[in-house]
Amino acid sequence: MNRSVPDDKTLAIQAAKGRERAFRELLRRFERPVFSLIYRMVRDRELAEDLSQETFIRAFNAIGSYNPAYKFSSWIFKIAHNLTIDHIRRKRVPTISIEGSPDAVTPDEQARTRVVLESTEESPDSHVENLELGGQLESAIGKLRPEYRTATLLRHVEGYSYKEIAEIMGVPLGTVKTYIHRARHELMEILGPVLESG
């Protein structure tokens, strides 16, 4: 029997009708991506787990307001983004290096969500240098303003388009472009000495 796997939108519509199994499947699909985004924003595993849980509670309570004209991923990321930004503004979360944090995720989890600097046919030495630079890039992203950080992560880690990022962050398309442009400029300033010494 060939049963097709329901897409995210179908599951969200089913969840809005009270089908708990559909929401559990959405939770399974988006638990890691949502946690990954929030963790990169707050740099604290326990806090990221709490905010992820709160994101899904809010999503469950508001599932009836989901508009299937948009990607479900954009909708859930928007909830996660708003919740995290609110927390950062209230608490002034310090930005620390993911590498030096005692609450850092496991090496496997970190590798799966690392900011990758890809190079074809690189030597082992180059590979190590790129890994080290990747860690410094992680740290540099953590020093950006929250809005710049979110836009950069959504664009370069999650692979969202500018239009989708605008939907998630609830800002005009031009603002997203400005955030990413300024973020790149700041990252170059932070990483400049590192790149010059390499």
C-alpha atoms as a PDB file:
ATOM      1  CA  MET A   1       0.000   0.000   0.000  1.00  0.00           C
ATOM      2  CA  ASN A   2       1.543   3.283  -1.109  1.00  0.00           C
ATOM      3  CA  ARG A   3       0.612   5.957   1.408  1.00  0.00           C
ATOM      4  CA  SER A   4       2.023   9.356   0.621  1.00  0.00           C
ATOM      5  CA  VAL A   5       3.590  11.288   3.483  1.00  0.00           C
ATOM      6  CA  PRO A   6       1.544  14.442   4.237  1.00  0.00           C
ATOM      7  CA  ASP A   7       3.361  17.738   3.730  1.00  0.00           C
ATOM      8  CA  ASP A   8       3.748  20.337   6.473  1.00  0.00           C
ATOM      9  CA  LYS A   9       0.740  22.383   5.359  1.00  0.00           C
ATOM     10  CA  THR A  10      -1.552  19.346   5.341  1.00  0.00           C
ATOM     11  CA  LEU A  11      -0.377  18.352   8.808  1.00  0.00           C
ATOM     12  CA  ALA A  12      -0.935  21.911  10.085  1.00  0.00           C
ATOM     13  CA  ILE A  13      -4.488  21.931   8.712  1.00  0.00           C
ATOM     14  CA  GLN A  14      -5.131  18.556  10.372  1.00  0.00           C
ATOM     15  CA  ALA A  15      -3.619  19.804  13.637  1.00  0.00           C
ATOM     16  CA  ALA A  16      -5.927  22.835  13.530  1.00  0.00           C
ATOM     17  CA  LYS A  17      -8.841  20.383  13.410  1.00  0.00           C
ATOM     18  CA  GLY A  18      -7.648  18.824  16.642  1.00  0.00           C
ATOM     19  CA  ARG A  19      -5.639  15.889  15.323  1.00  0.00           C
ATOM     20  CA  GLU A  20      -2.913  15.490  17.912  1.00  0.00           C
ATOM     21  CA  ARG A  21      -0.943  13.000  15.801  1.00  0.00           C
ATOM     22  CA  ALA A  22      -0.519  15.638  13.075  1.00  0.00           C
ATOM     23  CA  PHE A  23       0.888  18.157  15.545  1.00  0.00           C
ATOM     24  CA  ARG A  24       3.222  15.525  17.015  1.00  0.00           C
ATOM     25  CA  GLU A  25       4.586  14.885  13.516  1.00  0.00           C
ATOM     26  CA  LEU A  26       5.151  18.630  13.001  1.00  0.00           C
ATOM     27  CA  LEU A  27       6.946  18.721  16.342  1.00  0.00           C
ATOM     28  CA  ARG A  28       9.156  15.819  15.234  1.00  0.00           C
ATOM     29  CA  ARG A  29      10.008  17.563  11.950  1.00  0.00           C
ATOM     30  CA  PHE A  30      10.739  21.016  13.368  1.00  0.00           C
ATOM     31  CA  GLU A  31      12.040  20.374  16.875  1.00  0.00           C
ATOM     32  CA  ARG A  32      15.710  20.326  15.785  1.00  0.00           C
ATOM     33  CA  PRO A  33      15.600  23.267  13.297  1.00  0.00           C
ATOM     34  CA  VAL A  34      13.754  25.468  15.804  1.00  0.00           C
ATOM     35  CA  PHE A  35      16.152  24.543  18.604  1.00  0.00           C
ATOM     36  CA  SER A  36      19.132  25.167  16.298  1.00  0.00           C
ATOM     37  CA  LEU A  37      17.965  28.674  15.389  1.00  0.00           C
ATOM     38  CA  ILE A  38      17.161  29.623  18.985  1.00  0.00           C
ATOM     39  CA  TYR A  39      20.404  28.151  20.320  1.00  0.00           C
ATOM     40  CA  ARG A  40      22.432  30.198  17.866  1.00  0.00           C
ATOM     41  CA  MET A  41      20.561  33.277  19.059  1.00  0.00           C
ATOM     42  CA  VAL A  42      20.901  32.790  22.833  1.00  0.00           C
ATOM     43  CA  ARG A  43      24.065  30.608  23.002  1.00  0.00           C
ATOM     44  CA  ASP A  44      22.720  28.666  25.989  1.00  0.00           C
ATOM     45  CA  ARG A  45      21.465  25.085  25.643  1.00  0.00           C
ATOM     46  CA  GLU A  46      19.078  25.034  28.613  1.00  0.00           C
ATOM     47  CA  LEU A  47      17.562  28.392  27.686  1.00  0.00           C
ATOM     48  CA  ALA A  48      17.238  27.317  24.041  1.00  0.00           C
ATOM     49  CA  GLU A  49      15.399  24.160  25.124  1.00  0.00           C
ATOM     50  CA  ASP A  50      12.991  26.246  27.248  1.00  0.00           C
ATOM     51  CA  LEU A  51      12.362  28.738  24.439  1.00  0.00           C
ATOM     52  CA  SER A  52      11.896  25.907  21.918  1.00  0.00           C
ATOM     53  CA  GLN A  53       9.320  24.293  24.163  1.00  0.00           C
ATOM     54  CA  GLU A  54       7.527  27.625  24.587  1.00  0.00           C
ATOM     55  CA  THR A  55       7.600  28.101  20.792  1.00  0.00           C
ATOM     56  CA  PHE A  56       5.733  24.834  20.236  1.00  0.00           C
ATOM     57  CA  ILE A  57       3.257  25.576  23.034  1.00  0.00           C
ATOM     58  CA  ARG A  58       2.467  28.910  21.379  1.00  0.00           C
ATOM     59  CA  ALA A  59       2.287  27.252  17.962  1.00  0.00           C
ATOM     60  CA  PHE A  60      -0.109  24.596  19.270  1.00  0.00           C
ATOM     61  CA  ASN A  61      -2.339  27.246  20.856  1.00  0.00           C
ATOM     62  CA  ALA A  62      -2.315  29.375  17.694  1.00  0.00           C
ATOM     63  CA  ILE A  63      -2.396  26.615  15.055  1.00  0.00           C
ATOM     64  CA  GLY A  64      -5.879  27.737  13.983  1.00  0.00           C
ATOM     65  CA  SER A  65      -4.396  31.063  12.839  1.00  0.00           C
ATOM     66  CA  TYR A  66      -1.862  29.419  10.497  1.00  0.00           C
ATOM     67  CA  ASN A  67      -2.396  30.523   6.885  1.00  0.00           C
ATOM     68  CA  PRO A  68      -1.613  27.647   4.450  1.00  0.00           C
ATOM     69  CA  ALA A  69      -0.715  30.239   1.797  1.00  0.00           C
ATOM     70  CA  TYR A  70       2.643  30.473   3.576  1.00  0.00           C
ATOM     71  CA  LYS A  71       5.228  27.820   4.428  1.00  0.00           C
ATOM     72  CA  PHE A  72       4.616  26.222   7.808  1.00  0.00           C
ATOM     73  CA  SER A  73       8.363  26.478   8.467  1.00  0.00           C
ATOM     74  CA  SER A  74       8.216  30.261   8.038  1.00  0.00           C
ATOM     75  CA  TRP A  75       5.266  30.437  10.445  1.00  0.00           C
ATOM     76  CA  ILE A  76       6.909  28.390  13.196  1.00  0.00           C
ATOM     77  CA  PHE A  77      10.246  30.180  12.735  1.00  0.00           C
ATOM     78  CA  LYS A  78       8.447  33.507  13.088  1.00  0.00           C
ATOM     79  CA  ILE A  79       7.035  32.418  16.445  1.00  0.00           C
ATOM     80  CA  ALA A  80      10.502  31.235  17.527  1.00  0.00           C
ATOM     81  CA  HIS A  81      12.119  34.463  16.325  1.00  0.00           C
ATOM     82  CA  ASN A  82       9.637  36.768  18.078  1.00  0.00           C
ATOM     83  CA  LEU A  83       9.827  34.812  21.325  1.00  0.00           C
ATOM     84  CA  THR A  84      13.635  34.774  21.301  1.00  0.00           C
ATOM     85  CA  ILE A  85      14.034  38.440  20.363  1.00  0.00           C
ATOM     86  CA  ASP A  86      11.605  39.393  23.162  1.00  0.00           C
ATOM     87  CA  HIS A  87      13.661  37.357  25.625  1.00  0.00           C
ATOM     88  CA  ILE A  88      16.971  38.842  24.432  1.00  0.00           C
ATOM     89  CA  ARG A  89      15.616  42.377  24.763  1.00  0.00           C
ATOM     90  CA  ARG A  90      14.302  41.687  28.265  1.00  0.00           C
ATOM     91  CA  LYS A  91      17.335  39.815  29.544  1.00  0.00           C
ATOM     92  CA  ARG A  92      20.183  41.257  27.469  1.00  0.00           C
ATOM     93  CA  VAL A  93      21.495  37.760  26.760  1.00  0.00           C
ATOM     94  CA  PRO A  94      25.316  37.830  26.602  1.00  0.00           C
ATOM     95  CA  THR A  95      26.900  36.693  23.366  1.00  0.00           C
ATOM     96  CA  ILE A  96      29.543  34.023  23.866  1.00  0.00           C
ATOM     97  CA  SER A  97      31.416  31.665  21.608  1.00  0.00           C
ATOM     98  CA  ILE A  98      29.624  28.411  20.905  1.00  0.00           C
ATOM     99  CA  GLU A  99      33.020  26.696  21.130  1.00  0.00           C
ATOM    100  CA  GLY A 100      33.753  27.855  24.673  1.00  0.00           C
ATOM    101  CA  SER A 101      30.315  27.391  26.193  1.00  0.00           C
ATOM    102  CA  PRO A 102      29.957  24.670  28.842  1.00  0.00           C
ATOM    103  CA  ASP A 103      26.382  24.249  27.607  1.00  0.00           C
ATOM    104  CA  ALA A 104      27.472  23.679  24.015  1.00  0.00           C
ATOM    105  CA  VAL A 105      25.631  21.026  22.045  1.00  0.00           C
ATOM    106  CA  THR A 106      27.369  17.726  21.328  1.00  0.00           C
ATOM    107  CA  PRO A 107      30.032  17.696  18.585  1.00  0.00           C
ATOM    108  CA  ASP A 108      27.650  15.774  16.291  1.00  0.00           C
ATOM    109  CA  GLU A 109      24.841  18.295  16.780  1.00  0.00           C
ATOM    110  CA  GLN A 110      27.298  21.160  16.344  1.00  0.00           C
ATOM    111  CA  ALA A 111      28.654  19.685  13.119  1.00  0.00           C
ATOM    112  CA  ARG A 112      25.165  19.355  11.675  1.00  0.00           C
ATOM    113  CA  THR A 113      24.357  23.019  12.235  1.00  0.00           C
ATOM    114  CA  ARG A 114      27.828  24.573  11.806  1.00  0.00           C
ATOM    115  CA  VAL A 115      28.339  27.558   9.555  1.00  0.00           C
ATOM    116  CA  VAL A 116      30.267  25.879   6.758  1.00  0.00           C
ATOM    117  CA  LEU A 117      33.017  27.475   4.689  1.00  0.00           C
ATOM    118  CA  GLU A 118      33.105  25.095   1.763  1.00  0.00           C
ATOM    119  CA  SER A 119      36.110  24.523  -0.441  1.00  0.00           C
ATOM    120  CA  THR A 120      36.482  21.926  -3.170  1.00  0.00           C
ATOM    121  CA  GLU A 121      39.562  19.728  -3.271  1.00  0.00           C
ATOM    122  CA  GLU A 122      41.029  21.219  -0.109  1.00  0.00           C
ATOM    123  CA  SER A 123      44.057  19.707   1.583  1.00  0.00           C
ATOM    124  CA  PRO A 124      43.809  18.311   5.150  1.00  0.00           C
ATOM    125  CA  ASP A 125      45.600  21.455   6.407  1.00  0.00           C
ATOM    126  CA  SER A 126      43.114  23.686   4.585  1.00  0.00           C
ATOM    127  CA  HIS A 127      40.251  21.649   6.015  1.00  0.00           C
ATOM    128  CA  VAL A 128      41.509  22.207   9.572  1.00  0.00           C
ATOM    129  CA  GLU A 129      41.993  25.926   8.868  1.00  0.00           C
ATOM    130  CA  ASN A 130      38.429  26.148   7.533  1.00  0.00           C
ATOM    131  CA  LEU A 131      37.086  24.374  10.626  1.00  0.00           C
ATOM    132  CA  GLU A 132      38.959  26.830  12.856  1.00  0.00           C
ATOM    133  CA  LEU A 133      37.706  29.774  10.805  1.00  0.00           C
ATOM    134  CA  GLY A 134      34.187  28.317  10.990  1.00  0.00           C
ATOM    135  CA  GLY A 135      34.418  28.388  14.784  1.00  0.00           C
ATOM    136  CA  GLN A 136      35.599  31.994  14.696  1.00  0.00           C
ATOM    137  CA  LEU A 137      32.731  32.821  12.342  1.00  0.00           C
ATOM    138  CA  GLU A 138      30.299  31.242  14.838  1.00  0.00           C
ATOM    139  CA  SER A 139      31.722  33.473  17.556  1.00  0.00           C
ATOM    140  CA  ALA A 140      31.584  36.559  15.318  1.00  0.00           C
ATOM    141  CA  ILE A 141      27.928  35.944  14.435  1.00  0.00           C
ATOM    142  CA  GLY A 142      27.217  35.754  18.163  1.00  0.00           C
ATOM    143  CA  LYS A 143      28.467  39.336  18.521  1.00  0.00           C
ATOM    144  CA  LEU A 144      25.992  40.777  16.006  1.00  0.00           C
ATOM    145  CA  ARG A 145      22.843  42.652  16.983  1.00  0.00           C
ATOM    146  CA  PRO A 146      19.950  40.153  17.424  1.00  0.00           C
ATOM    147  CA  GLU A 147      18.212  41.291  14.226  1.00  0.00           C
ATOM    148  CA  TYR A 148      21.391  40.954  12.162  1.00  0.00           C
ATOM    149  CA  ARG A 149      22.104  37.588  13.759  1.00  0.00           C
ATOM    150  CA  THR A 150      18.658  36.190  12.928  1.00  0.00           C
ATOM    151  CA  ALA A 151      18.759  37.397   9.332  1.00  0.00           C
ATOM    152  CA  THR A 152      22.265  35.992   8.822  1.00  0.00           C
ATOM    153  CA  LEU A 153      21.413  32.603  10.330  1.00  0.00           C
ATOM    154  CA  LEU A 154      18.175  32.277   8.373  1.00  0.00           C
ATOM    155  CA  ARG A 155      19.949  33.187   5.135  1.00  0.00           C
ATOM    156  CA  HIS A 156      23.276  31.378   5.405  1.00  0.00           C
ATOM    157  CA  VAL A 157      22.521  28.460   7.749  1.00  0.00           C
ATOM    158  CA  GLU A 158      18.861  27.693   7.071  1.00  0.00           C
ATOM    159  CA  GLY A 159      18.951  28.779   3.407  1.00  0.00           C
ATOM    160  CA  TYR A 160      15.816  30.954   3.393  1.00  0.00           C
ATOM    161  CA  SER A 161      15.184  33.499   0.664  1.00  0.00           C
ATOM    162  CA  TYR A 162      15.120  37.221   1.480  1.00  0.00           C
ATOM    163  CA  LYS A 163      11.331  37.205   1.015  1.00  0.00           C
ATOM    164  CA  GLU A 164      10.888  34.298   3.448  1.00  0.00           C
ATOM    165  CA  ILE A 165      13.163  35.977   5.989  1.00  0.00           C
ATOM    166  CA  ALA A 166      11.038  39.136   5.715  1.00  0.00           C
ATOM    167  CA  GLU A 167       7.938  37.039   6.502  1.00  0.00           C
ATOM    168  CA  ILE A 168       9.609  35.318   9.452  1.00  0.00           C
ATOM    169  CA  MET A 169      11.002  38.518  10.943  1.00  0.00           C
ATOM    170  CA  GLY A 170       7.930  40.611  10.149  1.00  0.00           C
ATOM    171  CA  VAL A 171       9.917  43.359   8.428  1.00  0.00           C
ATOM    172  CA  PRO A 172       9.997  44.755   4.855  1.00  0.00           C
ATOM    173  CA  LEU A 173      12.169  43.022   2.253  1.00  0.00           C
ATOM    174  CA  GLY A 174      14.482  46.050   2.061  1.00  0.00           C
ATOM    175  CA  THR A 175      15.089  45.875   5.799  1.00  0.00           C
ATOM    176  CA  VAL A 176      16.205  42.247   5.525  1.00  0.00           C
ATOM    177  CA  LYS A 177      18.679  43.196   2.786  1.00  0.00           C
ATOM    178  CA  THR A 178      19.973  46.020   4.981  1.00  0.00           C
ATOM    179  CA  TYR A 179      20.351  43.690   7.987  1.00  0.00           C
ATOM    180  CA  ILE A 180      22.327  41.141   5.966  1.00  0.00           C
ATOM    181  CA  HIS A 181      24.476  43.793   4.262  1.00  0.00           C
ATOM    182  CA  ARG A 182      25.356  45.400   7.607  1.00  0.00           C
ATOM    183  CA  ALA A 183      25.915  41.994   9.203  1.00  0.00           C
ATOM    184  CA  ARG A 184      28.386  41.055   6.467  1.00  0.00           C
ATOM    185  CA  HIS A 185      30.193  44.365   6.937  1.00  0.00           C
ATOM    186  CA  GLU A 186      30.424  43.853  10.714  1.00  0.00           C
ATOM    187  CA  LEU A 187      31.556  40.242  10.275  1.00  0.00           C
ATOM    188  CA  MET A 188      34.331  41.375   7.941  1.00  0.00           C
ATOM    189  CA  GLU A 189      35.445  43.948  10.535  1.00  0.00           C
ATOM    190  CA  ILE A 190      35.438  41.319  13.300  1.00  0.00           C
ATOM    191  CA  LEU A 191      37.118  38.647  11.191  1.00  0.00           C
ATOM    192  CA  GLY A 192      39.465  40.967   9.301  1.00  0.00           C
ATOM    193  CA  PRO A 193      42.483  40.431  11.592  1.00  0.00           C
ATOM    194  CA  VAL A 194      41.831  36.661  11.555  1.00  0.00           C
ATOM    195  CA  LEU A 195      41.668  36.517   7.763  1.00  0.00           C
ATOM    196  CA  GLU A 196      44.767  38.708   7.368  1.00  0.00           C
ATOM    197  CA  SER A 197      46.807  36.532   9.717  1.00  0.00           C
ATOM    198  CA  GLY A 198      45.780  33.331   7.928  1.00  0.00           C
END
